[in-house]
Amino acid sequence: MKNFTENISKGRVEEAKKYATETTGDMLDMASGMGIIPVDPDYKFEMLNDSIVDNKAWVTILNTNGSSEVIETVKIDGEWLVHMRPKF
């Protein structure tokens, strides 16, 4: 989670994709191509809470604007990967 969020915030999409599911990686490619991934080089990861159920976890982090966000992760082959769902 930390590696994912810190790489995304610094604009390192390819590196962030190493810590994400394939679906999330595809979404990042699309967002990056559209230029809609915000970059904040001063971002510092801060976890507020987590909840783990079997091979899924929901992690609450603090965003740069001071608001909280819940990010879903899934455990695949022993590794926790960020799993974002499209919001249409």
C-alpha atoms as a PDB file:
ATOM      1  CA  MET A   1       0.000   0.000   0.000  1.00  0.00           C
ATOM      2  CA  LYS A   2       2.700   2.485   0.977  1.00  0.00           C
ATOM      3  CA  ASN A   3       4.795   1.754  -2.134  1.00  0.00           C
ATOM      4  CA  PHE A   4       1.724   2.083  -4.340  1.00  0.00           C
ATOM      5  CA  THR A   5       0.495   5.404  -2.952  1.00  0.00           C
ATOM      6  CA  GLU A   6       3.924   7.021  -2.749  1.00  0.00           C
ATOM      7  CA  ASN A   7       4.801   6.049  -6.333  1.00  0.00           C
ATOM      8  CA  ILE A   8       1.438   7.257  -7.660  1.00  0.00           C
ATOM      9  CA  SER A   9       1.763  10.575  -5.852  1.00  0.00           C
ATOM     10  CA  LYS A  10       5.166  11.123  -7.419  1.00  0.00           C
ATOM     11  CA  GLY A  11       3.898  10.274 -10.913  1.00  0.00           C
ATOM     12  CA  ARG A  12       5.714   6.927 -11.136  1.00  0.00           C
ATOM     13  CA  VAL A  13       2.812   4.951 -12.592  1.00  0.00           C
ATOM     14  CA  GLU A  14       4.842   1.999 -13.901  1.00  0.00           C
ATOM     15  CA  GLU A  15       6.448   1.493 -10.495  1.00  0.00           C
ATOM     16  CA  ALA A  16       3.069   1.795  -8.732  1.00  0.00           C
ATOM     17  CA  LYS A  17       1.600  -0.881 -10.997  1.00  0.00           C
ATOM     18  CA  LYS A  18       3.996  -3.411  -9.415  1.00  0.00           C
ATOM     19  CA  TYR A  19       1.894  -3.104  -6.243  1.00  0.00           C
ATOM     20  CA  ALA A  20      -1.513  -3.322  -7.925  1.00  0.00           C
ATOM     21  CA  THR A  21      -3.806  -5.878  -9.513  1.00  0.00           C
ATOM     22  CA  GLU A  22      -3.946  -6.118 -13.295  1.00  0.00           C
ATOM     23  CA  THR A  23      -7.326  -4.354 -13.310  1.00  0.00           C
ATOM     24  CA  THR A  24      -5.911  -1.477 -11.282  1.00  0.00           C
ATOM     25  CA  GLY A  25      -2.900  -1.283 -13.592  1.00  0.00           C
ATOM     26  CA  ASP A  26      -5.203  -0.978 -16.595  1.00  0.00           C
ATOM     27  CA  MET A  27      -7.107   1.842 -14.887  1.00  0.00           C
ATOM     28  CA  LEU A  28      -3.834   3.612 -14.085  1.00  0.00           C
ATOM     29  CA  ASP A  29      -2.742   3.365 -17.722  1.00  0.00           C
ATOM     30  CA  MET A  30      -6.012   4.934 -18.850  1.00  0.00           C
ATOM     31  CA  ALA A  31      -5.875   7.700 -16.224  1.00  0.00           C
ATOM     32  CA  SER A  32      -2.233   8.403 -16.972  1.00  0.00           C
ATOM     33  CA  GLY A  33      -2.948   8.611 -20.693  1.00  0.00           C
ATOM     34  CA  MET A  34      -5.656  11.164 -19.962  1.00  0.00           C
ATOM     35  CA  GLY A  35      -3.342  13.140 -17.677  1.00  0.00           C
ATOM     36  CA  ILE A  36      -5.679  12.944 -14.688  1.00  0.00           C
ATOM     37  CA  ILE A  37      -3.365  11.443 -12.045  1.00  0.00           C
ATOM     38  CA  PRO A  38      -2.536  14.208  -9.571  1.00  0.00           C
ATOM     39  CA  VAL A  39       1.137  14.499  -8.617  1.00  0.00           C
ATOM     40  CA  ASP A  40       2.331  15.611  -5.179  1.00  0.00           C
ATOM     41  CA  PRO A  41       6.084  15.126  -4.710  1.00  0.00           C
ATOM     42  CA  ASP A  42       5.776  15.972  -0.994  1.00  0.00           C
ATOM     43  CA  TYR A  43       3.215  13.229  -0.233  1.00  0.00           C
ATOM     44  CA  LYS A  44       3.940  11.144   2.863  1.00  0.00           C
ATOM     45  CA  PHE A  45       2.019   7.903   3.403  1.00  0.00           C
ATOM     46  CA  GLU A  46      -0.094   7.853   6.555  1.00  0.00           C
ATOM     47  CA  MET A  47      -2.294   4.890   7.388  1.00  0.00           C
ATOM     48  CA  LEU A  48      -5.202   5.614   9.717  1.00  0.00           C
ATOM     49  CA  ASN A  49      -6.872   2.202   9.977  1.00  0.00           C
ATOM     50  CA  ASP A  50      -7.142  -1.225   8.415  1.00  0.00           C
ATOM     51  CA  SER A  51      -9.635  -4.065   8.318  1.00  0.00           C
ATOM     52  CA  ILE A  52      -8.649  -7.537   7.103  1.00  0.00           C
ATOM     53  CA  VAL A  53     -11.072 -10.314   6.184  1.00  0.00           C
ATOM     54  CA  ASP A  54      -9.513 -13.430   4.670  1.00  0.00           C
ATOM     55  CA  ASN A  55      -7.664 -12.323   1.509  1.00  0.00           C
ATOM     56  CA  LYS A  56      -9.130  -8.811   1.370  1.00  0.00           C
ATOM     57  CA  ALA A  57      -8.225  -5.712   3.322  1.00  0.00           C
ATOM     58  CA  TRP A  58      -9.505  -2.159   3.436  1.00  0.00           C
ATOM     59  CA  VAL A  59      -6.933   0.435   4.402  1.00  0.00           C
ATOM     60  CA  THR A  60      -7.860   3.972   5.362  1.00  0.00           C
ATOM     61  CA  ILE A  61      -5.175   6.502   4.464  1.00  0.00           C
ATOM     62  CA  LEU A  62      -4.825  10.243   4.851  1.00  0.00           C
ATOM     63  CA  ASN A  63      -4.769  12.150   1.560  1.00  0.00           C
ATOM     64  CA  THR A  64      -2.650  15.227   0.927  1.00  0.00           C
ATOM     65  CA  ASN A  65      -5.722  17.441   1.268  1.00  0.00           C
ATOM     66  CA  GLY A  66      -6.372  16.121   4.793  1.00  0.00           C
ATOM     67  CA  SER A  67      -9.321  13.895   3.899  1.00  0.00           C
ATOM     68  CA  SER A  68      -9.344  10.145   4.394  1.00  0.00           C
ATOM     69  CA  GLU A  69      -9.737   7.523   1.682  1.00  0.00           C
ATOM     70  CA  VAL A  70     -10.359   3.785   1.904  1.00  0.00           C
ATOM     71  CA  ILE A  71      -8.343   1.655  -0.501  1.00  0.00           C
ATOM     72  CA  GLU A  72      -9.083  -2.019  -1.073  1.00  0.00           C
ATOM     73  CA  THR A  73      -6.268  -4.542  -1.271  1.00  0.00           C
ATOM     74  CA  VAL A  74      -6.331  -8.232  -2.114  1.00  0.00           C
ATOM     75  CA  LYS A  75      -3.842 -10.952  -1.273  1.00  0.00           C
ATOM     76  CA  ILE A  76      -2.644 -12.757  -4.404  1.00  0.00           C
ATOM     77  CA  ASP A  77       0.133 -15.346  -4.227  1.00  0.00           C
ATOM     78  CA  GLY A  78       1.082 -14.104  -0.753  1.00  0.00           C
ATOM     79  CA  GLU A  79       1.346 -10.423  -1.742  1.00  0.00           C
ATOM     80  CA  TRP A  80      -1.054  -7.613  -0.870  1.00  0.00           C
ATOM     81  CA  LEU A  81      -1.978  -5.652  -4.016  1.00  0.00           C
ATOM     82  CA  VAL A  82      -4.097  -2.528  -4.396  1.00  0.00           C
ATOM     83  CA  HIS A  83      -7.385  -3.347  -6.130  1.00  0.00           C
ATOM     84  CA  MET A  84      -9.376  -0.385  -7.412  1.00  0.00           C
ATOM     85  CA  ARG A  85     -12.754  -0.745  -9.012  1.00  0.00           C
ATOM     86  CA  PRO A  86     -13.927   1.522 -11.832  1.00  0.00           C
ATOM     87  CA  LYS A  87     -16.385   4.211 -10.724  1.00  0.00           C
ATOM     88  CA  PHE A  88     -18.772   5.031 -13.533  1.00  0.00           C
END
